Amino acid sequence: MLFDWNTHKQTELANGTIVSWPEWSRDSQYVYFIMSHADEPGNVFKVHIADYKIEEIESLKDARPTGALFGPWYGLAPDDSPLMLRNAATEEIYALDVDLP
């Protein structure tokens, strides 16, 4: 949900069973989040605040994400590239490159 302080209205940005880890983009034009249903790992989406258009960024189907009590942790790097924890091993570090339009 997005609350507009000027009009005091709420707008639903996404509707899924579980919407987690909302994160504003650096320019405040988008909100990135993970949306999943039931026991599925979900996908990373972003919603454009100006027109509420939702775009899928990345599938987490084969990523084996891990994280906190509220599901897989997700965040954004300073350049808005996605960051997440992956359950691979205790001694491996990976970087994910995403080509956004």
PDB file of N, CA and C in Angstrom:
ATOM      1  N   MET A   1       0.836  -1.177   0.000  1.00  0.00           N
ATOM      2  CA  MET A   1       0.000   0.000   0.000  1.00  0.00           C
ATOM      3  C   MET A   1       0.887   1.248   0.000  1.00  0.00           C
ATOM      4  N   LEU A   2       0.412   2.250  -0.705  1.00  0.00           N
ATOM      5  CA  LEU A   2       1.102   3.538  -0.746  1.00  0.00           C
ATOM      6  C   LEU A   2       0.149   4.577  -0.198  1.00  0.00           C
ATOM      7  N   PHE A   3       0.601   5.329   0.790  1.00  0.00           N
ATOM      8  CA  PHE A   3      -0.229   6.368   1.400  1.00  0.00           C
ATOM      9  C   PHE A   3       0.219   7.730   0.902  1.00  0.00           C
ATOM     10  N   ASP A   4      -0.722   8.507   0.371  1.00  0.00           N
ATOM     11  CA  ASP A   4      -0.457   9.868  -0.099  1.00  0.00           C
ATOM     12  C   ASP A   4      -0.817  10.828   1.028  1.00  0.00           C
ATOM     13  N   TRP A   5       0.182  11.498   1.569  1.00  0.00           N
ATOM     14  CA  TRP A   5      -0.032  12.397   2.699  1.00  0.00           C
ATOM     15  C   TRP A   5      -0.864  13.624   2.315  1.00  0.00           C
ATOM     16  N   ASN A   6      -0.822  14.020   1.052  1.00  0.00           N
ATOM     17  CA  ASN A   6      -1.592  15.194   0.618  1.00  0.00           C
ATOM     18  C   ASN A   6      -3.081  14.902   0.503  1.00  0.00           C
ATOM     19  N   THR A   7      -3.430  13.772  -0.083  1.00  0.00           N
ATOM     20  CA  THR A   7      -4.849  13.429  -0.275  1.00  0.00           C
ATOM     21  C   THR A   7      -5.384  12.503   0.812  1.00  0.00           C
ATOM     22  N   HIS A   8      -4.507  11.938   1.623  1.00  0.00           N
ATOM     23  CA  HIS A   8      -4.857  10.983   2.677  1.00  0.00           C
ATOM     24  C   HIS A   8      -5.510   9.731   2.110  1.00  0.00           C
ATOM     25  N   LYS A   9      -5.101   9.328   0.901  1.00  0.00           N
ATOM     26  CA  LYS A   9      -5.636   8.130   0.265  1.00  0.00           C
ATOM     27  C   LYS A   9      -4.560   7.056   0.183  1.00  0.00           C
ATOM     28  N   GLN A  10      -5.024   5.804   0.245  1.00  0.00           N
ATOM     29  CA  GLN A  10      -4.138   4.658   0.097  1.00  0.00           C
ATOM     30  C   GLN A  10      -4.351   4.028  -1.282  1.00  0.00           C
ATOM     31  N   THR A  11      -3.258   3.561  -1.889  1.00  0.00           N
ATOM     32  CA  THR A  11      -3.327   2.885  -3.179  1.00  0.00           C
ATOM     33  C   THR A  11      -2.633   1.546  -3.043  1.00  0.00           C
ATOM     34  N   GLU A  12      -3.304   0.488  -3.489  1.00  0.00           N
ATOM     35  CA  GLU A  12      -2.702  -0.838  -3.467  1.00  0.00           C
ATOM     36  C   GLU A  12      -1.731  -0.956  -4.633  1.00  0.00           C
ATOM     37  N   LEU A  13      -0.462  -1.247  -4.328  1.00  0.00           N
ATOM     38  CA  LEU A  13       0.569  -1.358  -5.361  1.00  0.00           C
ATOM     39  C   LEU A  13       0.721  -2.775  -5.889  1.00  0.00           C
ATOM     40  N   ALA A  14       0.463  -3.770  -5.055  1.00  0.00           N
ATOM     41  CA  ALA A  14       0.614  -5.169  -5.466  1.00  0.00           C
ATOM     42  C   ALA A  14      -0.342  -6.023  -4.650  1.00  0.00           C
ATOM     43  N   ASN A  15      -0.779  -7.104  -5.265  1.00  0.00           N
ATOM     44  CA  ASN A  15      -1.709  -7.998  -4.590  1.00  0.00           C
ATOM     45  C   ASN A  15      -1.221  -9.430  -4.772  1.00  0.00           C
ATOM     46  N   GLY A  16      -0.613  -9.971  -3.757  1.00  0.00           N
ATOM     47  CA  GLY A  16      -0.128 -11.345  -3.777  1.00  0.00           C
ATOM     48  C   GLY A  16      -0.345 -11.950  -2.409  1.00  0.00           C
ATOM     49  N   THR A  17      -0.161 -13.247  -2.303  1.00  0.00           N
ATOM     50  CA  THR A  17      -0.300 -13.895  -1.006  1.00  0.00           C
ATOM     51  C   THR A  17       0.701 -13.301  -0.021  1.00  0.00           C
ATOM     52  N   ILE A  18       1.943 -13.158  -0.486  1.00  0.00           N
ATOM     53  CA  ILE A  18       3.002 -12.599   0.362  1.00  0.00           C
ATOM     54  C   ILE A  18       3.758 -11.548  -0.441  1.00  0.00           C
ATOM     55  N   VAL A  19       3.772 -10.338   0.039  1.00  0.00           N
ATOM     56  CA  VAL A  19       4.586  -9.275  -0.548  1.00  0.00           C
ATOM     57  C   VAL A  19       5.578  -8.875   0.535  1.00  0.00           C
ATOM     58  N   SER A  20       6.873  -9.038   0.235  1.00  0.00           N
ATOM     59  CA  SER A  20       7.866  -8.798   1.277  1.00  0.00           C
ATOM     60  C   SER A  20       9.011  -7.929   0.785  1.00  0.00           C
ATOM     61  N   TRP A  21       9.719  -7.371   1.723  1.00  0.00           N
ATOM     62  CA  TRP A  21      10.918  -6.576   1.517  1.00  0.00           C
ATOM     63  C   TRP A  21      10.740  -5.422   0.529  1.00  0.00           C
ATOM     64  N   PRO A  22       9.733  -4.562   0.722  1.00  0.00           N
ATOM     65  CA  PRO A  22       9.614  -3.400  -0.171  1.00  0.00           C
ATOM     66  C   PRO A  22      10.823  -2.482  -0.016  1.00  0.00           C
ATOM     67  N   GLU A  23      11.312  -1.981  -1.123  1.00  0.00           N
ATOM     68  CA  GLU A  23      12.532  -1.162  -1.125  1.00  0.00           C
ATOM     69  C   GLU A  23      12.377  -0.068  -2.180  1.00  0.00           C
ATOM     70  N   TRP A  24      12.515   1.193  -1.775  1.00  0.00           N
ATOM     71  CA  TRP A  24      12.439   2.312  -2.716  1.00  0.00           C
ATOM     72  C   TRP A  24      13.696   2.356  -3.573  1.00  0.00           C
ATOM     73  N   SER A  25      13.522   2.683  -4.848  1.00  0.00           N
ATOM     74  CA  SER A  25      14.670   2.893  -5.727  1.00  0.00           C
ATOM     75  C   SER A  25      15.372   4.182  -5.319  1.00  0.00           C
ATOM     76  N   ARG A  26      16.594   4.322  -5.770  1.00  0.00           N
ATOM     77  CA  ARG A  26      17.395   5.492  -5.414  1.00  0.00           C
ATOM     78  C   ARG A  26      16.728   6.805  -5.838  1.00  0.00           C
ATOM     79  N   ASP A  27      16.044   6.806  -7.003  1.00  0.00           N
ATOM     80  CA  ASP A  27      15.394   8.022  -7.501  1.00  0.00           C
ATOM     81  C   ASP A  27      13.936   8.159  -7.050  1.00  0.00           C
ATOM     82  N   SER A  28      13.460   7.255  -6.211  1.00  0.00           N
ATOM     83  CA  SER A  28      12.094   7.246  -5.671  1.00  0.00           C
ATOM     84  C   SER A  28      11.017   7.089  -6.740  1.00  0.00           C
ATOM     85  N   GLN A  29      11.374   6.559  -7.898  1.00  0.00           N
ATOM     86  CA  GLN A  29      10.405   6.347  -8.970  1.00  0.00           C
ATOM     87  C   GLN A  29       9.762   4.958  -8.900  1.00  0.00           C
ATOM     88  N   TYR A  30      10.418   4.023  -8.201  1.00  0.00           N
ATOM     89  CA  TYR A  30       9.954   2.641  -8.146  1.00  0.00           C
ATOM     90  C   TYR A  30      10.019   2.111  -6.722  1.00  0.00           C
ATOM     91  N   VAL A  31       9.195   1.093  -6.472  1.00  0.00           N
ATOM     92  CA  VAL A  31       9.316   0.281  -5.266  1.00  0.00           C
ATOM     93  C   VAL A  31       9.563  -1.143  -5.739  1.00  0.00           C
ATOM     94  N   TYR A  32      10.657  -1.742  -5.276  1.00  0.00           N
ATOM     95  CA  TYR A  32      11.015  -3.118  -5.597  1.00  0.00           C
ATOM     96  C   TYR A  32      10.544  -4.006  -4.444  1.00  0.00           C
ATOM     97  N   PHE A  33      10.162  -5.258  -4.743  1.00  0.00           N
ATOM     98  CA  PHE A  33       9.675  -6.160  -3.703  1.00  0.00           C
ATOM     99  C   PHE A  33       9.675  -7.595  -4.223  1.00  0.00           C
ATOM    100  N   ILE A  34       9.526  -8.539  -3.295  1.00  0.00           N
ATOM    101  CA  ILE A  34       9.334  -9.944  -3.639  1.00  0.00           C
ATOM    102  C   ILE A  34       7.860 -10.254  -3.443  1.00  0.00           C
ATOM    103  N   MET A  35       7.249 -10.871  -4.454  1.00  0.00           N
ATOM    104  CA  MET A  35       5.855 -11.288  -4.341  1.00  0.00           C
ATOM    105  C   MET A  35       5.790 -12.786  -4.601  1.00  0.00           C
ATOM    106  N   SER A  36       5.145 -13.508  -3.684  1.00  0.00           N
ATOM    107  CA  SER A  36       5.031 -14.955  -3.820  1.00  0.00           C
ATOM    108  C   SER A  36       3.635 -15.401  -3.427  1.00  0.00           C
ATOM    109  N   HIS A  37       3.334 -16.644  -3.769  1.00  0.00           N
ATOM    110  CA  HIS A  37       2.050 -17.249  -3.447  1.00  0.00           C
ATOM    111  C   HIS A  37       2.306 -18.589  -2.771  1.00  0.00           C
ATOM    112  N   ALA A  38       1.658 -18.817  -1.644  1.00  0.00           N
ATOM    113  CA  ALA A  38       1.760 -20.073  -0.894  1.00  0.00           C
ATOM    114  C   ALA A  38       3.215 -20.470  -0.651  1.00  0.00           C
ATOM    115  N   ASP A  39       3.620 -21.675  -1.075  1.00  0.00           N
ATOM    116  CA  ASP A  39       4.965 -22.175  -0.808  1.00  0.00           C
ATOM    117  C   ASP A  39       5.944 -21.915  -1.940  1.00  0.00           C
ATOM    118  N   GLU A  40       5.570 -21.113  -2.929  1.00  0.00           N
ATOM    119  CA  GLU A  40       6.466 -20.789  -4.041  1.00  0.00           C
ATOM    120  C   GLU A  40       7.499 -19.764  -3.586  1.00  0.00           C
ATOM    121  N   PRO A  41       8.709 -19.804  -4.157  1.00  0.00           N
ATOM    122  CA  PRO A  41       9.741 -18.853  -3.740  1.00  0.00           C
ATOM    123  C   PRO A  41       9.450 -17.424  -4.178  1.00  0.00           C
ATOM    124  N   GLY A  42       8.640 -17.220  -5.191  1.00  0.00           N
ATOM    125  CA  GLY A  42       8.276 -15.886  -5.613  1.00  0.00           C
ATOM    126  C   GLY A  42       9.199 -15.310  -6.665  1.00  0.00           C
ATOM    127  N   ASN A  43       8.948 -14.056  -6.995  1.00  0.00           N
ATOM    128  CA  ASN A  43       9.710 -13.335  -7.993  1.00  0.00           C
ATOM    129  C   ASN A  43       9.955 -11.916  -7.501  1.00  0.00           C
ATOM    130  N   VAL A  44      10.966 -11.280  -8.068  1.00  0.00           N
ATOM    131  CA  VAL A  44      11.262  -9.883  -7.750  1.00  0.00           C
ATOM    132  C   VAL A  44      10.526  -9.014  -8.762  1.00  0.00           C
ATOM    133  N   PHE A  45       9.809  -8.028  -8.261  1.00  0.00           N
ATOM    134  CA  PHE A  45       9.052  -7.106  -9.089  1.00  0.00           C
ATOM    135  C   PHE A  45       9.442  -5.675  -8.744  1.00  0.00           C
ATOM    136  N   LYS A  46       9.067  -4.766  -9.644  1.00  0.00           N
ATOM    137  CA  LYS A  46       9.137  -3.348  -9.321  1.00  0.00           C
ATOM    138  C   LYS A  46       7.852  -2.709  -9.820  1.00  0.00           C
ATOM    139  N   VAL A  47       7.381  -1.705  -9.098  1.00  0.00           N
ATOM    140  CA  VAL A  47       6.186  -0.968  -9.498  1.00  0.00           C
ATOM    141  C   VAL A  47       6.579   0.493  -9.689  1.00  0.00           C
ATOM    142  N   HIS A  48       6.178   1.051 -10.826  1.00  0.00           N
ATOM    143  CA  HIS A  48       6.446   2.458 -11.134  1.00  0.00           C
ATOM    144  C   HIS A  48       5.399   3.297 -10.407  1.00  0.00           C
ATOM    145  N   ILE A  49       5.834   4.188  -9.553  1.00  0.00           N
ATOM    146  CA  ILE A  49       4.926   4.959  -8.703  1.00  0.00           C
ATOM    147  C   ILE A  49       4.041   5.906  -9.510  1.00  0.00           C
ATOM    148  N   ALA A  50       4.523   6.428 -10.624  1.00  0.00           N
ATOM    149  CA  ALA A  50       3.747   7.388 -11.415  1.00  0.00           C
ATOM    150  C   ALA A  50       2.493   6.768 -12.030  1.00  0.00           C
ATOM    151  N   ASP A  51       2.594   5.513 -12.503  1.00  0.00           N
ATOM    152  CA  ASP A  51       1.444   4.900 -13.177  1.00  0.00           C
ATOM    153  C   ASP A  51       1.047   3.535 -12.599  1.00  0.00           C
ATOM    154  N   TYR A  52       1.711   3.085 -11.532  1.00  0.00           N
ATOM    155  CA  TYR A  52       1.432   1.823 -10.834  1.00  0.00           C
ATOM    156  C   TYR A  52       1.629   0.595 -11.719  1.00  0.00           C
ATOM    157  N   LYS A  53       2.423   0.711 -12.761  1.00  0.00           N
ATOM    158  CA  LYS A  53       2.719  -0.421 -13.644  1.00  0.00           C
ATOM    159  C   LYS A  53       3.715  -1.343 -12.947  1.00  0.00           C
ATOM    160  N   ILE A  54       3.381  -2.630 -12.882  1.00  0.00           N
ATOM    161  CA  ILE A  54       4.241  -3.630 -12.244  1.00  0.00           C
ATOM    162  C   ILE A  54       5.017  -4.369 -13.316  1.00  0.00           C
ATOM    163  N   GLU A  55       6.310  -4.565 -13.043  1.00  0.00           N
ATOM    164  CA  GLU A  55       7.185  -5.274 -13.968  1.00  0.00           C
ATOM    165  C   GLU A  55       7.952  -6.340 -13.204  1.00  0.00           C
ATOM    166  N   GLU A  56       7.972  -7.562 -13.738  1.00  0.00           N
ATOM    167  CA  GLU A  56       8.759  -8.629 -13.120  1.00  0.00           C
ATOM    168  C   GLU A  56      10.223  -8.434 -13.478  1.00  0.00           C
ATOM    169  N   ILE A  57      11.095  -8.488 -12.471  1.00  0.00           N
ATOM    170  CA  ILE A  57      12.525  -8.271 -12.661  1.00  0.00           C
ATOM    171  C   ILE A  57      13.282  -9.592 -12.720  1.00  0.00           C
ATOM    172  N   GLU A  58      12.967 -10.500 -11.815  1.00  0.00           N
ATOM    173  CA  GLU A  58      13.751 -11.741 -11.717  1.00  0.00           C
ATOM    174  C   GLU A  58      12.910 -12.829 -11.056  1.00  0.00           C
ATOM    175  N   SER A  59      13.023 -14.053 -11.557  1.00  0.00           N
ATOM    176  CA  SER A  59      12.405 -15.209 -10.929  1.00  0.00           C
ATOM    177  C   SER A  59      13.357 -15.768  -9.881  1.00  0.00           C
ATOM    178  N   LEU A  60      12.818 -16.172  -8.764  1.00  0.00           N
ATOM    179  CA  LEU A  60      13.630 -16.778  -7.702  1.00  0.00           C
ATOM    180  C   LEU A  60      13.454 -18.295  -7.667  1.00  0.00           C
ATOM    181  N   LYS A  61      12.846 -18.853  -8.701  1.00  0.00           N
ATOM    182  CA  LYS A  61      12.538 -20.286  -8.744  1.00  0.00           C
ATOM    183  C   LYS A  61      13.761 -21.156  -8.500  1.00  0.00           C
ATOM    184  N   ASP A  62      14.859 -20.879  -9.183  1.00  0.00           N
ATOM    185  CA  ASP A  62      16.060 -21.705  -9.057  1.00  0.00           C
ATOM    186  C   ASP A  62      17.153 -21.050  -8.219  1.00  0.00           C
ATOM    187  N   ALA A  63      16.852 -19.955  -7.567  1.00  0.00           N
ATOM    188  CA  ALA A  63      17.876 -19.198  -6.833  1.00  0.00           C
ATOM    189  C   ALA A  63      18.134 -19.736  -5.430  1.00  0.00           C
ATOM    190  N   ARG A  64      17.234 -20.489  -4.870  1.00  0.00           N
ATOM    191  CA  ARG A  64      17.331 -20.970  -3.486  1.00  0.00           C
ATOM    192  C   ARG A  64      17.629 -19.835  -2.509  1.00  0.00           C
ATOM    193  N   PRO A  65      16.764 -18.810  -2.505  1.00  0.00           N
ATOM    194  CA  PRO A  65      17.010 -17.683  -1.598  1.00  0.00           C
ATOM    195  C   PRO A  65      16.825 -18.095  -0.145  1.00  0.00           C
ATOM    196  N   THR A  66      17.482 -17.384   0.725  1.00  0.00           N
ATOM    197  CA  THR A  66      17.379 -17.633   2.157  1.00  0.00           C
ATOM    198  C   THR A  66      17.385 -16.294   2.864  1.00  0.00           C
ATOM    199  N   GLY A  67      17.163 -16.296   4.137  1.00  0.00           N
ATOM    200  CA  GLY A  67      17.190 -15.024   4.834  1.00  0.00           C
ATOM    201  C   GLY A  67      16.591 -15.069   6.205  1.00  0.00           C
ATOM    202  N   ALA A  68      15.679 -14.192   6.438  1.00  0.00           N
ATOM    203  CA  ALA A  68      15.183 -13.902   7.774  1.00  0.00           C
ATOM    204  C   ALA A  68      13.859 -14.599   8.061  1.00  0.00           C
ATOM    205  N   LEU A  69      13.308 -14.267   9.194  1.00  0.00           N
ATOM    206  CA  LEU A  69      12.051 -14.816   9.675  1.00  0.00           C
ATOM    207  C   LEU A  69      10.904 -14.569   8.696  1.00  0.00           C
ATOM    208  N   PHE A  70      10.909 -13.450   7.987  1.00  0.00           N
ATOM    209  CA  PHE A  70       9.809 -13.078   7.100  1.00  0.00           C
ATOM    210  C   PHE A  70      10.061 -13.475   5.649  1.00  0.00           C
ATOM    211  N   GLY A  71      10.840 -14.488   5.416  1.00  0.00           N
ATOM    212  CA  GLY A  71      11.100 -14.961   4.069  1.00  0.00           C
ATOM    213  C   GLY A  71      12.468 -14.543   3.576  1.00  0.00           C
ATOM    214  N   PRO A  72      12.746 -14.833   2.295  1.00  0.00           N
ATOM    215  CA  PRO A  72      14.063 -14.520   1.742  1.00  0.00           C
ATOM    216  C   PRO A  72      14.368 -13.037   1.829  1.00  0.00           C
ATOM    217  N   TRP A  73      15.585 -12.724   2.274  1.00  0.00           N
ATOM    218  CA  TRP A  73      15.981 -11.314   2.354  1.00  0.00           C
ATOM    219  C   TRP A  73      16.243 -10.773   0.962  1.00  0.00           C
ATOM    220  N   TYR A  74      15.864  -9.514   0.749  1.00  0.00           N
ATOM    221  CA  TYR A  74      16.049  -8.846  -0.534  1.00  0.00           C
ATOM    222  C   TYR A  74      16.352  -7.378  -0.268  1.00  0.00           C
ATOM    223  N   GLY A  75      17.221  -6.794  -1.077  1.00  0.00           N
ATOM    224  CA  GLY A  75      17.539  -5.375  -0.949  1.00  0.00           C
ATOM    225  C   GLY A  75      18.074  -4.838  -2.261  1.00  0.00           C
ATOM    226  N   LEU A  76      18.437  -3.575  -2.253  1.00  0.00           N
ATOM    227  CA  LEU A  76      18.981  -2.925  -3.445  1.00  0.00           C
ATOM    228  C   LEU A  76      20.345  -2.347  -3.143  1.00  0.00           C
ATOM    229  N   ALA A  77      21.254  -2.495  -4.105  1.00  0.00           N
ATOM    230  CA  ALA A  77      22.566  -1.857  -4.027  1.00  0.00           C
ATOM    231  C   ALA A  77      22.391  -0.368  -4.345  1.00  0.00           C
ATOM    232  N   PRO A  78      23.402   0.451  -4.114  1.00  0.00           N
ATOM    233  CA  PRO A  78      23.283   1.890  -4.408  1.00  0.00           C
ATOM    234  C   PRO A  78      22.916   2.203  -5.855  1.00  0.00           C
ATOM    235  N   ASP A  79      23.196   1.289  -6.799  1.00  0.00           N
ATOM    236  CA  ASP A  79      22.822   1.524  -8.199  1.00  0.00           C
ATOM    237  C   ASP A  79      21.492   0.842  -8.551  1.00  0.00           C
ATOM    238  N   ASP A  80      20.717   0.442  -7.557  1.00  0.00           N
ATOM    239  CA  ASP A  80      19.425  -0.229  -7.701  1.00  0.00           C
ATOM    240  C   ASP A  80      19.519  -1.642  -8.262  1.00  0.00           C
ATOM    241  N   SER A  81      20.700  -2.234  -8.280  1.00  0.00           N
ATOM    242  CA  SER A  81      20.791  -3.633  -8.683  1.00  0.00           C
ATOM    243  C   SER A  81      20.348  -4.501  -7.510  1.00  0.00           C
ATOM    244  N   PRO A  82      19.679  -5.630  -7.795  1.00  0.00           N
ATOM    245  CA  PRO A  82      19.137  -6.458  -6.723  1.00  0.00           C
ATOM    246  C   PRO A  82      20.211  -7.171  -5.902  1.00  0.00           C
ATOM    247  N   LEU A  83      19.966  -7.279  -4.619  1.00  0.00           N
ATOM    248  CA  LEU A  83      20.810  -8.027  -3.688  1.00  0.00           C
ATOM    249  C   LEU A  83      19.937  -9.045  -2.973  1.00  0.00           C
ATOM    250  N   MET A  84      20.458 -10.249  -2.782  1.00  0.00           N
ATOM    251  CA  MET A  84      19.715 -11.244  -2.017  1.00  0.00           C
ATOM    252  C   MET A  84      20.680 -12.251  -1.420  1.00  0.00           C
ATOM    253  N   LEU A  85      20.198 -13.000  -0.464  1.00  0.00           N
ATOM    254  CA  LEU A  85      20.964 -14.084   0.124  1.00  0.00           C
ATOM    255  C   LEU A  85      20.548 -15.378  -0.554  1.00  0.00           C
ATOM    256  N   ARG A  86      21.533 -16.196  -0.909  1.00  0.00           N
ATOM    257  CA  ARG A  86      21.274 -17.476  -1.558  1.00  0.00           C
ATOM    258  C   ARG A  86      21.857 -18.582  -0.701  1.00  0.00           C
ATOM    259  N   ASN A  87      21.106 -19.614  -0.483  1.00  0.00           N
ATOM    260  CA  ASN A  87      21.551 -20.743   0.312  1.00  0.00           C
ATOM    261  C   ASN A  87      22.379 -21.666  -0.567  1.00  0.00           C
ATOM    262  N   ALA A  88      23.680 -21.375  -0.721  1.00  0.00           N
ATOM    263  CA  ALA A  88      24.562 -22.171  -1.580  1.00  0.00           C
ATOM    264  C   ALA A  88      25.526 -22.993  -0.748  1.00  0.00           C
ATOM    265  N   ALA A  89      26.219 -22.370   0.150  1.00  0.00           N
ATOM    266  CA  ALA A  89      27.187 -23.039   1.018  1.00  0.00           C
ATOM    267  C   ALA A  89      27.699 -22.000   2.008  1.00  0.00           C
ATOM    268  N   THR A  90      28.552 -22.435   2.899  1.00  0.00           N
ATOM    269  CA  THR A  90      29.070 -21.505   3.896  1.00  0.00           C
ATOM    270  C   THR A  90      30.307 -20.769   3.435  1.00  0.00           C
ATOM    271  N   GLU A  91      30.892 -21.174   2.316  1.00  0.00           N
ATOM    272  CA  GLU A  91      32.143 -20.569   1.873  1.00  0.00           C
ATOM    273  C   GLU A  91      32.080 -19.977   0.468  1.00  0.00           C
ATOM    274  N   GLU A  92      30.883 -19.802  -0.088  1.00  0.00           N
ATOM    275  CA  GLU A  92      30.762 -19.288  -1.447  1.00  0.00           C
ATOM    276  C   GLU A  92      30.096 -17.914  -1.443  1.00  0.00           C
ATOM    277  N   ILE A  93      30.585 -17.010  -2.279  1.00  0.00           N
ATOM    278  CA  ILE A  93      29.999 -15.689  -2.451  1.00  0.00           C
ATOM    279  C   ILE A  93      29.733 -15.502  -3.938  1.00  0.00           C
ATOM    280  N   TYR A  94      28.516 -15.077  -4.272  1.00  0.00           N
ATOM    281  CA  TYR A  94      28.143 -14.899  -5.664  1.00  0.00           C
ATOM    282  C   TYR A  94      27.648 -13.472  -5.896  1.00  0.00           C
ATOM    283  N   ALA A  95      27.744 -13.019  -7.151  1.00  0.00           N
ATOM    284  CA  ALA A  95      27.163 -11.759  -7.584  1.00  0.00           C
ATOM    285  C   ALA A  95      26.217 -12.070  -8.731  1.00  0.00           C
ATOM    286  N   LEU A  96      25.082 -11.390  -8.759  1.00  0.00           N
ATOM    287  CA  LEU A  96      24.096 -11.585  -9.806  1.00  0.00           C
ATOM    288  C   LEU A  96      24.041 -10.333 -10.656  1.00  0.00           C
ATOM    289  N   ASP A  97      24.298 -10.471 -11.953  1.00  0.00           N
ATOM    290  CA  ASP A  97      24.197  -9.352 -12.883  1.00  0.00           C
ATOM    291  C   ASP A  97      22.852  -9.402 -13.573  1.00  0.00           C
ATOM    292  N   VAL A  98      22.107  -8.297 -13.530  1.00  0.00           N
ATOM    293  CA  VAL A  98      20.802  -8.207 -14.161  1.00  0.00           C
ATOM    294  C   VAL A  98      20.844  -7.076 -15.168  1.00  0.00           C
ATOM    295  N   ASP A  99      20.434  -7.353 -16.385  1.00  0.00           N
ATOM    296  CA  ASP A  99      20.360  -6.320 -17.413  1.00  0.00           C
ATOM    297  C   ASP A  99      18.946  -5.785 -17.452  1.00  0.00           C
ATOM    298  N   LEU A 100      18.749  -4.593 -16.913  1.00  0.00           N
ATOM    299  CA  LEU A 100      17.432  -3.979 -16.902  1.00  0.00           C
ATOM    300  C   LEU A 100      17.271  -3.095 -18.145  1.00  0.00           C
ATOM    301  N   PRO A 101      16.035  -2.987 -18.627  1.00  0.00           N
ATOM    302  CA  PRO A 101      15.824  -2.158 -19.828  1.00  0.00           C
ATOM    303  C   PRO A 101      16.107  -0.696 -19.573  1.00  0.00           C
TER     304      PRO A 101
END
